[in-house]
Protein backbone atom coordinates (compact mmCIF):
# COMPACT_ATOMS: atom_id res chain seq x y z
CA MET A 1 19.87 54.63 220.96
CA PRO A 2 21.69 53.84 217.35
CA VAL A 3 21.87 56.59 214.96
CA SER A 4 22.47 55.83 210.95
CA THR A 5 25.02 56.24 209.10
CA THR A 6 26.44 55.41 205.65
CA LEU A 7 29.30 53.81 204.75
CA LYS A 8 30.78 53.58 201.20
CA LEU A 9 32.56 50.29 200.33
CA PRO A 10 34.37 49.13 197.26
CA GLU A 11 32.85 46.32 195.91
CA LYS A 12 35.63 43.99 196.45
CA LEU A 13 35.60 44.80 200.32
CA LYS A 14 32.18 44.60 200.25
CA SER A 15 32.48 41.04 199.21
CA ARG A 16 34.97 40.33 201.54
CA VAL A 17 33.19 41.48 204.46
CA ALA A 18 29.77 39.87 203.52
CA HIS A 19 31.70 36.49 202.73
CA ALA A 20 34.17 37.05 206.79
CA ALA A 21 30.32 37.93 208.11
CA LYS A 22 28.93 34.88 206.61
CA VAL A 23 31.65 32.25 208.10
CA ALA A 24 31.33 34.01 211.58
CA GLY A 25 27.56 33.41 212.02
CA LYS A 26 26.95 37.28 211.64
CA THR A 27 25.06 39.65 209.58
CA PRO A 28 27.69 41.94 207.25
CA HIS A 29 26.26 44.81 209.53
CA ALA A 30 27.02 43.56 212.78
CA PHE A 31 30.59 42.09 211.40
CA MET A 32 31.00 45.68 210.45
CA VAL A 33 29.77 47.12 213.69
CA GLU A 34 32.11 44.32 216.16
CA ALA A 35 35.45 45.99 213.72
CA ILE A 36 34.45 49.70 214.19
CA GLU A 37 33.82 49.23 217.90
CA LEU A 38 37.55 46.34 218.26
CA GLN A 39 39.70 48.99 216.24
CA THR A 40 38.58 51.85 218.28
CA ALA A 41 39.24 50.17 221.23
CA LEU A 42 42.41 49.60 220.47
CA SER A 43 43.27 52.88 219.15
CA GLU A 44 42.17 54.32 222.88
CA ARG A 45 44.34 51.25 224.33
CA ARG A 46 47.39 53.18 221.83
CA ARG A 47 46.55 56.63 222.73
CA GLY A 48 46.49 55.38 226.24
CA PHE A 49 50.35 53.45 225.99
CA LEU A 50 51.59 56.45 224.32
CA GLY A 51 50.18 58.58 227.23
CA ASP A 52 51.67 56.38 230.05
CA ALA A 53 54.91 55.98 227.73
CA ARG A 54 55.16 60.40 227.43
CA ALA A 55 54.86 60.54 231.29
CA ALA A 56 57.29 58.27 231.77
CA ARG A 57 59.35 59.93 230.49
CA GLU A 58 58.93 63.09 231.66
CA GLU A 59 59.77 61.32 234.73
CA VAL A 60 63.05 59.61 233.65
CA VAL A 61 63.89 63.71 232.31
CA GLN A 62 62.61 65.52 235.84
CA TYR A 63 64.65 62.73 237.96
CA GLY A 64 67.01 60.33 236.34
CA LEU A 65 66.23 57.33 237.85
CA VAL A 66 65.73 54.25 235.83
CA TYR A 67 65.78 50.26 236.26
CA ASP A 68 68.61 48.31 234.85
CA GLY A 69 66.54 46.41 232.62
CA ASP A 70 68.57 43.06 233.17
CA GLU A 71 68.12 43.12 236.98
CA VAL A 72 64.06 43.64 235.85
CA MET A 73 63.85 40.38 233.58
CA SER A 74 66.05 37.93 236.09
CA TYR A 75 63.84 40.06 239.22
CA LEU A 76 60.82 38.42 236.65
CA LYS A 77 62.06 35.42 235.94
CA ALA A 78 63.13 34.04 239.58
CA ARG A 79 59.21 35.43 240.56
CA LEU A 80 58.25 33.40 238.10
CA GLU A 81 60.00 30.72 239.25
CA GLY A 82 58.52 31.08 242.63
CA GLN A 83 61.12 32.44 244.44
CA ARG A 84 61.22 35.84 246.33
CA PRO A 85 64.04 37.58 245.03
CA ALA A 86 65.18 41.87 245.64
CA ARG A 87 63.19 43.87 244.11
CA PRO A 88 65.13 45.91 241.29
CA ARG A 89 66.43 49.49 242.85
CA LYS A 90 65.78 52.58 240.81
CA ARG A 91 69.70 53.55 239.59
CA LYS A 92 70.63 57.26 238.30
CA LEU A 93 70.79 57.40 234.69
């Protein structure tokens, strides 16, 4: 069940939201709910990305193994061209 909340906007922003909502064929309420939902999803994805990056960094620190960026790019390019190249190998840092 939706809960009510109050959002105080500067008058200029409120006008911009009203105009953008109208252009999008939405009510200002629907427009703001969608905007909040999108920003929340973006924040959650960013937090997950940073968590993955931290975990990858810890793995490198622990094992000292990395891929050579040029080899990875060459591998991906070859795959996109339909080839079956050898996968890049991890190397000691």
